[in-house]
Amino acid sequence: MRTRECYEQPLYRPGEPMMGFRPHDVPTGAIYRGNRTYGSTSVPKGSLQVSDWVHRFYDRSYNWEGSFTIDECIPVRSDDFNITTFGARFQEFYDVTTGISDPNVFIPPSSCRGK
């Protein structure tokens, strides 16, 4: 922290179509849609098997679709569709490394806490 200044703010801006933080996991109640393959199975290590899921969040008026690796449930794709404002957010993940080598990076320095 070069400047020693801290700001706390929500993970969304008022007026955005997708309000709030969306974890990258298969939500409780999601419907499994099947498996598919990215890439080519005829090339060694040239493909990726994923499972597809869908869910409608009635309390937040949006639909979600996501794809995760079959072996480790690593997110590959996450799409949100707001059904009242017709907004959309599409996210794709690549070069993902599993595990967190230092989980303390998510803890703000003591000089920032409570601000």
Protein backbone atom coordinates (compact mmCIF):
# COMPACT_ATOMS: atom_id res chain seq x y z
CA MET A 1 0.00 0.00 0.00
CA ARG A 2 1.95 2.86 -1.33
CA THR A 3 -0.46 5.70 -0.43
CA ARG A 4 -1.75 4.29 2.91
CA GLU A 5 -5.27 5.36 1.85
CA CYS A 6 -8.14 2.89 2.06
CA TYR A 7 -11.67 2.99 0.71
CA GLU A 8 -14.53 0.62 1.35
CA GLN A 9 -17.18 0.35 -1.33
CA PRO A 10 -19.81 -2.15 -2.49
CA LEU A 11 -18.94 -4.77 -5.10
CA TYR A 12 -21.43 -3.20 -7.49
CA ARG A 13 -22.51 0.24 -8.62
CA PRO A 14 -26.17 1.28 -8.22
CA GLY A 15 -27.93 0.98 -11.55
CA GLU A 16 -25.85 -1.93 -12.85
CA PRO A 17 -28.00 -4.68 -14.35
CA MET A 18 -26.40 -7.40 -12.20
CA MET A 19 -26.50 -6.09 -8.66
CA GLY A 20 -24.09 -7.57 -6.17
CA PHE A 21 -21.34 -10.13 -6.01
CA ARG A 22 -21.83 -13.43 -7.82
CA PRO A 23 -19.73 -16.33 -6.51
CA HIS A 24 -18.25 -18.62 -9.15
CA ASP A 25 -19.80 -21.91 -8.15
CA VAL A 26 -22.78 -24.08 -9.05
CA PRO A 27 -25.62 -22.50 -7.04
CA THR A 28 -27.92 -24.60 -4.90
CA GLY A 29 -30.93 -25.60 -7.00
CA ALA A 30 -29.12 -25.31 -10.35
CA ILE A 31 -30.18 -27.71 -13.11
CA TYR A 32 -27.54 -29.90 -14.76
CA ARG A 33 -27.70 -29.58 -18.57
CA GLY A 34 -25.01 -32.04 -19.66
CA ASN A 35 -21.34 -32.35 -20.54
CA ARG A 36 -19.43 -31.08 -23.54
CA THR A 37 -15.88 -30.92 -24.82
CA TYR A 38 -13.78 -27.86 -25.63
CA GLY A 39 -11.01 -28.56 -28.14
CA SER A 40 -10.10 -31.82 -29.80
CA THR A 41 -10.02 -35.25 -28.15
CA SER A 42 -7.73 -36.51 -30.94
CA VAL A 43 -4.87 -34.26 -29.73
CA PRO A 44 -3.10 -35.27 -26.49
CA LYS A 45 -4.15 -32.79 -23.76
CA GLY A 46 -6.02 -30.88 -26.48
CA SER A 47 -9.46 -30.97 -24.91
CA LEU A 48 -11.33 -30.01 -21.78
CA GLN A 49 -14.43 -31.77 -20.48
CA VAL A 50 -16.97 -29.44 -18.83
CA SER A 51 -20.40 -29.75 -17.27
CA ASP A 52 -23.08 -27.12 -17.97
CA TRP A 53 -25.55 -25.77 -15.40
CA VAL A 54 -28.44 -23.27 -15.39
CA HIS A 55 -30.34 -21.52 -12.59
CA ARG A 56 -32.95 -18.82 -12.22
CA PHE A 57 -32.61 -16.50 -9.23
CA TYR A 58 -36.20 -15.47 -8.61
CA ASP A 59 -35.31 -13.16 -5.74
CA ARG A 60 -32.92 -11.20 -7.99
CA SER A 61 -34.72 -11.51 -11.33
CA TYR A 62 -31.92 -13.02 -13.35
CA ASN A 63 -30.91 -16.27 -15.01
CA TRP A 64 -27.46 -17.78 -14.72
CA GLU A 65 -25.59 -20.31 -16.87
CA GLY A 66 -22.18 -21.74 -16.10
CA SER A 67 -19.64 -24.34 -17.20
CA PHE A 68 -17.18 -26.07 -14.89
CA THR A 69 -14.43 -28.63 -15.42
CA ILE A 70 -15.66 -32.12 -14.65
CA ASP A 71 -12.60 -33.23 -12.68
CA GLU A 72 -12.07 -30.28 -10.31
CA CYS A 73 -15.18 -28.05 -10.74
CA ILE A 74 -13.04 -25.11 -11.90
CA PRO A 75 -15.17 -22.35 -13.47
CA VAL A 76 -14.75 -22.02 -17.24
CA ARG A 77 -17.71 -19.77 -18.09
CA SER A 78 -20.32 -17.81 -16.12
CA ASP A 79 -23.14 -15.85 -17.77
CA ASP A 80 -25.83 -13.74 -16.09
CA PHE A 81 -28.98 -12.50 -17.85
CA ASN A 82 -31.16 -9.94 -16.07
CA ILE A 83 -34.76 -10.61 -17.07
CA THR A 84 -36.12 -7.21 -16.02
CA THR A 85 -33.50 -4.85 -17.47
CA PHE A 86 -32.30 -7.21 -20.23
CA GLY A 87 -28.69 -6.66 -19.17
CA ALA A 88 -26.12 -9.41 -19.49
CA ARG A 89 -22.66 -10.26 -18.16
CA PHE A 90 -20.47 -12.89 -19.83
CA GLN A 91 -17.30 -14.16 -18.16
CA GLU A 92 -14.78 -16.75 -19.33
CA PHE A 93 -11.88 -18.08 -17.28
CA TYR A 94 -8.59 -19.45 -18.59
CA ASP A 95 -5.09 -20.18 -17.25
CA VAL A 96 -6.64 -20.91 -13.85
CA THR A 97 -4.33 -22.11 -11.09
CA THR A 98 -5.98 -24.07 -8.31
CA GLY A 99 -5.33 -23.25 -4.68
CA ILE A 100 -4.26 -20.04 -3.00
CA SER A 101 -0.60 -19.93 -2.03
CA ASP A 102 -1.15 -17.08 0.44
CA PRO A 103 -4.76 -16.62 1.62
CA ASN A 104 -3.67 -13.59 3.67
CA VAL A 105 -3.68 -11.48 0.50
CA PHE A 106 -7.45 -11.15 1.03
CA ILE A 107 -7.09 -9.62 4.50
CA PRO A 108 -6.78 -5.82 4.41
CA PRO A 109 -3.85 -4.31 6.34
CA SER A 110 -4.70 -3.19 9.89
CA SER A 111 -4.45 0.45 8.77
CA CYS A 112 -7.47 -0.12 6.49
CA ARG A 113 -9.81 -1.98 8.82
CA GLY A 114 -12.94 -0.19 9.90
CA LYS A 115 -12.69 2.60 7.31
